[in-house]
């Protein structure tokens, strides 16, 4: 499992960074969606090398295992 840094917010407005575990970047966006506010969208997704693996959300589901 990899750790991704997902930047969420409004384009040109306030942003915040969520760290989530995931197998893929697409699933990282899904995991971050659970923590996003209604007016936020995903602005970027980057894989990170976090030796402590501290995260803000559990892994997102998959099509086979929602």
PDB file of N, CA and C in Angstrom:
ATOM      1  N   UNK A   1       0.854  -1.173   0.000  1.00  0.00           N
ATOM      2  CA  UNK A   1       0.000   0.000   0.000  1.00  0.00           C
ATOM      3  C   UNK A   1       0.900   1.236   0.000  1.00  0.00           C
ATOM      4  N   UNK A   2       0.545   2.192  -0.827  1.00  0.00           N
ATOM      5  CA  UNK A   2       1.299   3.440  -0.943  1.00  0.00           C
ATOM      6  C   UNK A   2       0.574   4.557  -0.191  1.00  0.00           C
ATOM      7  N   UNK A   3       1.305   5.616   0.118  1.00  0.00           N
ATOM      8  CA  UNK A   3       0.705   6.781   0.757  1.00  0.00           C
ATOM      9  C   UNK A   3       0.662   7.908  -0.278  1.00  0.00           C
ATOM     10  N   UNK A   4      -0.513   8.529  -0.410  1.00  0.00           N
ATOM     11  CA  UNK A   4      -0.700   9.622  -1.364  1.00  0.00           C
ATOM     12  C   UNK A   4      -1.067  10.901  -0.628  1.00  0.00           C
ATOM     13  N   UNK A   5      -0.561  12.018  -1.167  1.00  0.00           N
ATOM     14  CA  UNK A   5      -0.916  13.339  -0.672  1.00  0.00           C
ATOM     15  C   UNK A   5      -1.942  13.896  -1.666  1.00  0.00           C
ATOM     16  N   UNK A   6      -3.167  14.106  -1.194  1.00  0.00           N
ATOM     17  CA  UNK A   6      -4.250  14.577  -2.050  1.00  0.00           C
ATOM     18  C   UNK A   6      -4.570  16.018  -1.646  1.00  0.00           C
ATOM     19  N   UNK A   7      -4.388  16.948  -2.577  1.00  0.00           N
ATOM     20  CA  UNK A   7      -4.723  18.345  -2.320  1.00  0.00           C
ATOM     21  C   UNK A   7      -6.163  18.571  -2.763  1.00  0.00           C
ATOM     22  N   UNK A   8      -6.970  19.091  -1.840  1.00  0.00           N
ATOM     23  CA  UNK A   8      -8.379  19.352  -2.125  1.00  0.00           C
ATOM     24  C   UNK A   8      -8.671  20.818  -1.838  1.00  0.00           C
ATOM     25  N   UNK A   9      -9.743  21.321  -2.421  1.00  0.00           N
ATOM     26  CA  UNK A   9     -10.153  22.703  -2.187  1.00  0.00           C
ATOM     27  C   UNK A   9     -10.854  23.261  -3.395  1.00  0.00           C
ATOM     28  N   UNK A  10     -10.830  24.588  -3.473  1.00  0.00           N
ATOM     29  CA  UNK A  10     -11.434  25.284  -4.613  1.00  0.00           C
ATOM     30  C   UNK A  10     -10.316  25.886  -5.453  1.00  0.00           C
ATOM     31  N   UNK A  11     -10.393  25.750  -6.749  1.00  0.00           N
ATOM     32  CA  UNK A  11      -9.397  26.311  -7.657  1.00  0.00           C
ATOM     33  C   UNK A  11      -9.297  27.815  -7.416  1.00  0.00           C
ATOM     34  N   UNK A  12      -8.099  28.288  -7.103  1.00  0.00           N
ATOM     35  CA  UNK A  12      -7.900  29.705  -6.834  1.00  0.00           C
ATOM     36  C   UNK A  12      -8.312  30.126  -5.431  1.00  0.00           C
ATOM     37  N   UNK A  13      -8.772  29.176  -4.617  1.00  0.00           N
ATOM     38  CA  UNK A  13      -9.206  29.480  -3.254  1.00  0.00           C
ATOM     39  C   UNK A  13      -8.400  28.694  -2.244  1.00  0.00           C
ATOM     40  N   UNK A  14      -8.996  28.498  -1.082  1.00  0.00           N
ATOM     41  CA  UNK A  14      -8.331  27.772  -0.004  1.00  0.00           C
ATOM     42  C   UNK A  14      -8.153  26.303  -0.378  1.00  0.00           C
ATOM     43  N   UNK A  15      -7.017  25.736   0.014  1.00  0.00           N
ATOM     44  CA  UNK A  15      -6.740  24.320  -0.226  1.00  0.00           C
ATOM     45  C   UNK A  15      -6.291  23.680   1.074  1.00  0.00           C
ATOM     46  N   UNK A  16      -6.336  22.358   1.109  1.00  0.00           N
ATOM     47  CA  UNK A  16      -5.785  21.595   2.229  1.00  0.00           C
ATOM     48  C   UNK A  16      -5.292  20.268   1.693  1.00  0.00           C
ATOM     49  N   UNK A  17      -4.394  19.648   2.455  1.00  0.00           N
ATOM     50  CA  UNK A  17      -3.762  18.401   2.025  1.00  0.00           C
ATOM     51  C   UNK A  17      -4.226  17.265   2.929  1.00  0.00           C
ATOM     52  N   UNK A  18      -4.648  16.167   2.311  1.00  0.00           N
ATOM     53  CA  UNK A  18      -5.043  14.953   3.012  1.00  0.00           C
ATOM     54  C   UNK A  18      -4.071  13.852   2.635  1.00  0.00           C
ATOM     55  N   UNK A  19      -3.652  13.063   3.592  1.00  0.00           N
ATOM     56  CA  UNK A  19      -2.770  11.923   3.307  1.00  0.00           C
ATOM     57  C   UNK A  19      -3.586  10.649   3.479  1.00  0.00           C
ATOM     58  N   UNK A  20      -3.599   9.836   2.426  1.00  0.00           N
ATOM     59  CA  UNK A  20      -4.411   8.623   2.430  1.00  0.00           C
ATOM     60  C   UNK A  20      -3.612   7.431   1.903  1.00  0.00           C
ATOM     61  N   UNK A  21      -3.881   6.230   2.436  1.00  0.00           N
ATOM     62  CA  UNK A  21      -3.250   5.023   1.896  1.00  0.00           C
ATOM     63  C   UNK A  21      -4.071   4.501   0.717  1.00  0.00           C
ATOM     64  N   UNK A  22      -3.402   3.977  -0.282  1.00  0.00           N
ATOM     65  CA  UNK A  22      -4.126   3.485  -1.445  1.00  0.00           C
ATOM     66  C   UNK A  22      -3.207   2.635  -2.308  1.00  0.00           C
ATOM     67  N   UNK A  23      -3.804   1.791  -3.123  1.00  0.00           N
ATOM     68  CA  UNK A  23      -3.034   1.003  -4.087  1.00  0.00           C
ATOM     69  C   UNK A  23      -2.766   1.807  -5.362  1.00  0.00           C
ATOM     70  N   UNK A  24      -3.710   2.707  -5.716  1.00  0.00           N
ATOM     71  CA  UNK A  24      -3.569   3.509  -6.936  1.00  0.00           C
ATOM     72  C   UNK A  24      -3.937   4.957  -6.641  1.00  0.00           C
ATOM     73  N   UNK A  25      -3.546   5.858  -7.553  1.00  0.00           N
ATOM     74  CA  UNK A  25      -3.897   7.260  -7.354  1.00  0.00           C
ATOM     75  C   UNK A  25      -5.403   7.497  -7.489  1.00  0.00           C
ATOM     76  N   UNK A  26      -6.069   6.746  -8.334  1.00  0.00           N
ATOM     77  CA  UNK A  26      -7.522   6.888  -8.473  1.00  0.00           C
ATOM     78  C   UNK A  26      -8.213   6.520  -7.162  1.00  0.00           C
ATOM     79  N   UNK A  27      -7.798   5.429  -6.546  1.00  0.00           N
ATOM     80  CA  UNK A  27      -8.383   5.030  -5.267  1.00  0.00           C
ATOM     81  C   UNK A  27      -8.022   6.025  -4.164  1.00  0.00           C
ATOM     82  N   UNK A  28      -6.889   6.710  -4.290  1.00  0.00           N
ATOM     83  CA  UNK A  28      -6.529   7.742  -3.316  1.00  0.00           C
ATOM     84  C   UNK A  28      -7.542   8.884  -3.369  1.00  0.00           C
ATOM     85  N   UNK A  29      -7.959   9.248  -4.558  1.00  0.00           N
ATOM     86  CA  UNK A  29      -9.000  10.266  -4.699  1.00  0.00           C
ATOM     87  C   UNK A  29     -10.301   9.820  -4.067  1.00  0.00           C
ATOM     88  N   UNK A  30     -10.634   8.563  -4.230  1.00  0.00           N
ATOM     89  CA  UNK A  30     -11.853   8.020  -3.615  1.00  0.00           C
ATOM     90  C   UNK A  30     -11.757   8.044  -2.092  1.00  0.00           C
ATOM     91  N   UNK A  31     -10.591   7.703  -1.545  1.00  0.00           N
ATOM     92  CA  UNK A  31     -10.411   7.717  -0.095  1.00  0.00           C
ATOM     93  C   UNK A  31     -10.510   9.140   0.443  1.00  0.00           C
ATOM     94  N   UNK A  32      -9.958  10.104  -0.279  1.00  0.00           N
ATOM     95  CA  UNK A  32     -10.012  11.502   0.153  1.00  0.00           C
ATOM     96  C   UNK A  32     -11.438  12.048   0.080  1.00  0.00           C
ATOM     97  N   UNK A  33     -12.247  11.536  -0.831  1.00  0.00           N
ATOM     98  CA  UNK A  33     -13.613  12.030  -1.000  1.00  0.00           C
ATOM     99  C   UNK A  33     -14.420  11.924   0.289  1.00  0.00           C
ATOM    100  N   UNK A  34     -14.121  10.925   1.102  1.00  0.00           N
ATOM    101  CA  UNK A  34     -14.844  10.749   2.361  1.00  0.00           C
ATOM    102  C   UNK A  34     -14.581  11.900   3.333  1.00  0.00           C
ATOM    103  N   UNK A  35     -13.471  12.618   3.165  1.00  0.00           N
ATOM    104  CA  UNK A  35     -13.105  13.722   4.060  1.00  0.00           C
ATOM    105  C   UNK A  35     -13.337  15.100   3.447  1.00  0.00           C
ATOM    106  N   UNK A  36     -13.762  15.142   2.197  1.00  0.00           N
ATOM    107  CA  UNK A  36     -13.931  16.418   1.509  1.00  0.00           C
ATOM    108  C   UNK A  36     -15.240  17.085   1.887  1.00  0.00           C
ATOM    109  N   UNK A  37     -15.207  18.407   1.884  1.00  0.00           N
ATOM    110  CA  UNK A  37     -16.425  19.184   2.092  1.00  0.00           C
ATOM    111  C   UNK A  37     -17.183  19.268   0.778  1.00  0.00           C
ATOM    112  N   UNK A  38     -18.429  19.642   0.859  1.00  0.00           N
ATOM    113  CA  UNK A  38     -19.292  19.633  -0.320  1.00  0.00           C
ATOM    114  C   UNK A  38     -18.818  20.588  -1.422  1.00  0.00           C
ATOM    115  N   UNK A  39     -18.142  21.680  -1.072  1.00  0.00           N
ATOM    116  CA  UNK A  39     -17.702  22.641  -2.081  1.00  0.00           C
ATOM    117  C   UNK A  39     -16.260  22.408  -2.541  1.00  0.00           C
ATOM    118  N   UNK A  40     -15.630  21.307  -2.138  1.00  0.00           N
ATOM    119  CA  UNK A  40     -14.250  21.020  -2.507  1.00  0.00           C
ATOM    120  C   UNK A  40     -14.173  20.013  -3.653  1.00  0.00           C
ATOM    121  N   UNK A  41     -13.066  20.065  -4.355  1.00  0.00           N
ATOM    122  CA  UNK A  41     -12.770  19.065  -5.384  1.00  0.00           C
ATOM    123  C   UNK A  41     -11.298  18.675  -5.250  1.00  0.00           C
ATOM    124  N   UNK A  42     -10.933  17.570  -5.873  1.00  0.00           N
ATOM    125  CA  UNK A  42      -9.546  17.110  -5.853  1.00  0.00           C
ATOM    126  C   UNK A  42      -8.754  17.969  -6.841  1.00  0.00           C
ATOM    127  N   UNK A  43      -7.692  18.598  -6.349  1.00  0.00           N
ATOM    128  CA  UNK A  43      -6.858  19.450  -7.197  1.00  0.00           C
ATOM    129  C   UNK A  43      -5.606  18.726  -7.677  1.00  0.00           C
ATOM    130  N   UNK A  44      -5.047  17.851  -6.837  1.00  0.00           N
ATOM    131  CA  UNK A  44      -3.877  17.079  -7.255  1.00  0.00           C
ATOM    132  C   UNK A  44      -3.722  15.848  -6.379  1.00  0.00           C
ATOM    133  N   UNK A  45      -3.047  14.850  -6.930  1.00  0.00           N
ATOM    134  CA  UNK A  45      -2.747  13.608  -6.210  1.00  0.00           C
ATOM    135  C   UNK A  45      -1.288  13.276  -6.481  1.00  0.00           C
ATOM    136  N   UNK A  46      -0.511  13.130  -5.398  1.00  0.00           N
ATOM    137  CA  UNK A  46       0.912  12.814  -5.531  1.00  0.00           C
ATOM    138  C   UNK A  46       1.273  11.680  -4.588  1.00  0.00           C
ATOM    139  N   UNK A  47       2.030  10.723  -5.089  1.00  0.00           N
ATOM    140  CA  UNK A  47       2.537   9.667  -4.209  1.00  0.00           C
ATOM    141  C   UNK A  47       3.645  10.257  -3.348  1.00  0.00           C
ATOM    142  N   UNK A  48       3.690   9.882  -2.085  1.00  0.00           N
ATOM    143  CA  UNK A  48       4.704  10.407  -1.178  1.00  0.00           C
ATOM    144  C   UNK A  48       5.433   9.273  -0.481  1.00  0.00           C
ATOM    145  N   UNK A  49       6.630   9.557  -0.053  1.00  0.00           N
ATOM    146  CA  UNK A  49       7.411   8.578   0.694  1.00  0.00           C
ATOM    147  C   UNK A  49       7.346   8.981   2.160  1.00  0.00           C
ATOM    148  N   UNK A  50       6.399   8.417   2.889  1.00  0.00           N
ATOM    149  CA  UNK A  50       6.174   8.765   4.295  1.00  0.00           C
ATOM    150  C   UNK A  50       6.649   7.608   5.167  1.00  0.00           C
ATOM    151  N   UNK A  51       7.816   7.748   5.804  1.00  0.00           N
ATOM    152  CA  UNK A  51       8.337   6.636   6.601  1.00  0.00           C
ATOM    153  C   UNK A  51       7.456   6.284   7.801  1.00  0.00           C
ATOM    154  N   UNK A  52       6.665   7.244   8.285  1.00  0.00           N
ATOM    155  CA  UNK A  52       5.790   6.985   9.437  1.00  0.00           C
ATOM    156  C   UNK A  52       4.410   6.509   9.017  1.00  0.00           C
ATOM    157  N   UNK A  53       4.075   6.681   7.756  1.00  0.00           N
ATOM    158  CA  UNK A  53       2.794   6.274   7.188  1.00  0.00           C
ATOM    159  C   UNK A  53       1.612   6.800   7.987  1.00  0.00           C
ATOM    160  N   UNK A  54       1.686   8.063   8.381  1.00  0.00           N
ATOM    161  CA  UNK A  54       0.570   8.712   9.055  1.00  0.00           C
ATOM    162  C   UNK A  54      -0.435   9.138   7.994  1.00  0.00           C
ATOM    163  N   UNK A  55      -1.705   8.771   8.195  1.00  0.00           N
ATOM    164  CA  UNK A  55      -2.728   9.070   7.207  1.00  0.00           C
ATOM    165  C   UNK A  55      -3.957   9.680   7.870  1.00  0.00           C
ATOM    166  N   UNK A  56      -4.804  10.310   7.039  1.00  0.00           N
ATOM    167  CA  UNK A  56      -6.006  10.972   7.510  1.00  0.00           C
ATOM    168  C   UNK A  56      -7.274  10.164   7.278  1.00  0.00           C
ATOM    169  N   UNK A  57      -7.199   9.110   6.478  1.00  0.00           N
ATOM    170  CA  UNK A  57      -8.392   8.325   6.132  1.00  0.00           C
ATOM    171  C   UNK A  57      -8.000   6.893   5.854  1.00  0.00           C
ATOM    172  N   UNK A  58      -8.956   5.976   5.950  1.00  0.00           N
ATOM    173  CA  UNK A  58      -8.675   4.587   5.575  1.00  0.00           C
ATOM    174  C   UNK A  58      -8.618   4.456   4.055  1.00  0.00           C
ATOM    175  N   UNK A  59      -8.109   3.351   3.537  1.00  0.00           N
ATOM    176  CA  UNK A  59      -8.055   3.160   2.080  1.00  0.00           C
ATOM    177  C   UNK A  59      -9.437   3.220   1.460  1.00  0.00           C
ATOM    178  N   UNK A  60      -9.497   3.696   0.219  1.00  0.00           N
ATOM    179  CA  UNK A  60     -10.753   3.701  -0.515  1.00  0.00           C
ATOM    180  C   UNK A  60     -11.096   2.306  -0.985  1.00  0.00           C
ATOM    181  N   UNK A  61     -12.354   2.083  -1.312  1.00  0.00           N
ATOM    182  CA  UNK A  61     -12.774   0.787  -1.805  1.00  0.00           C
ATOM    183  C   UNK A  61     -12.435   0.609  -3.273  1.00  0.00           C
ATOM    184  N   UNK A  62     -12.750  -0.552  -3.788  1.00  0.00           N
ATOM    185  CA  UNK A  62     -12.560  -0.852  -5.202  1.00  0.00           C
ATOM    186  C   UNK A  62     -13.907  -1.213  -5.789  1.00  0.00           C
ATOM    187  N   UNK A  63     -13.950  -1.386  -7.105  1.00  0.00           N
ATOM    188  CA  UNK A  63     -15.209  -1.785  -7.724  1.00  0.00           C
ATOM    189  C   UNK A  63     -15.646  -3.165  -7.227  1.00  0.00           C
ATOM    190  N   UNK A  64     -14.677  -4.036  -6.977  1.00  0.00           N
ATOM    191  CA  UNK A  64     -14.998  -5.390  -6.505  1.00  0.00           C
ATOM    192  C   UNK A  64     -15.317  -5.408  -5.010  1.00  0.00           C
ATOM    193  N   UNK A  65     -14.708  -4.483  -4.256  1.00  0.00           N
ATOM    194  CA  UNK A  65     -14.891  -4.430  -2.805  1.00  0.00           C
ATOM    195  C   UNK A  65     -15.141  -2.997  -2.366  1.00  0.00           C
ATOM    196  N   UNK A  66     -16.391  -2.491  -2.503  1.00  0.00           N
ATOM    197  CA  UNK A  66     -16.685  -1.088  -2.196  1.00  0.00           C
ATOM    198  C   UNK A  66     -16.487  -0.693  -0.764  1.00  0.00           C
TER     199      UNK A  66
END
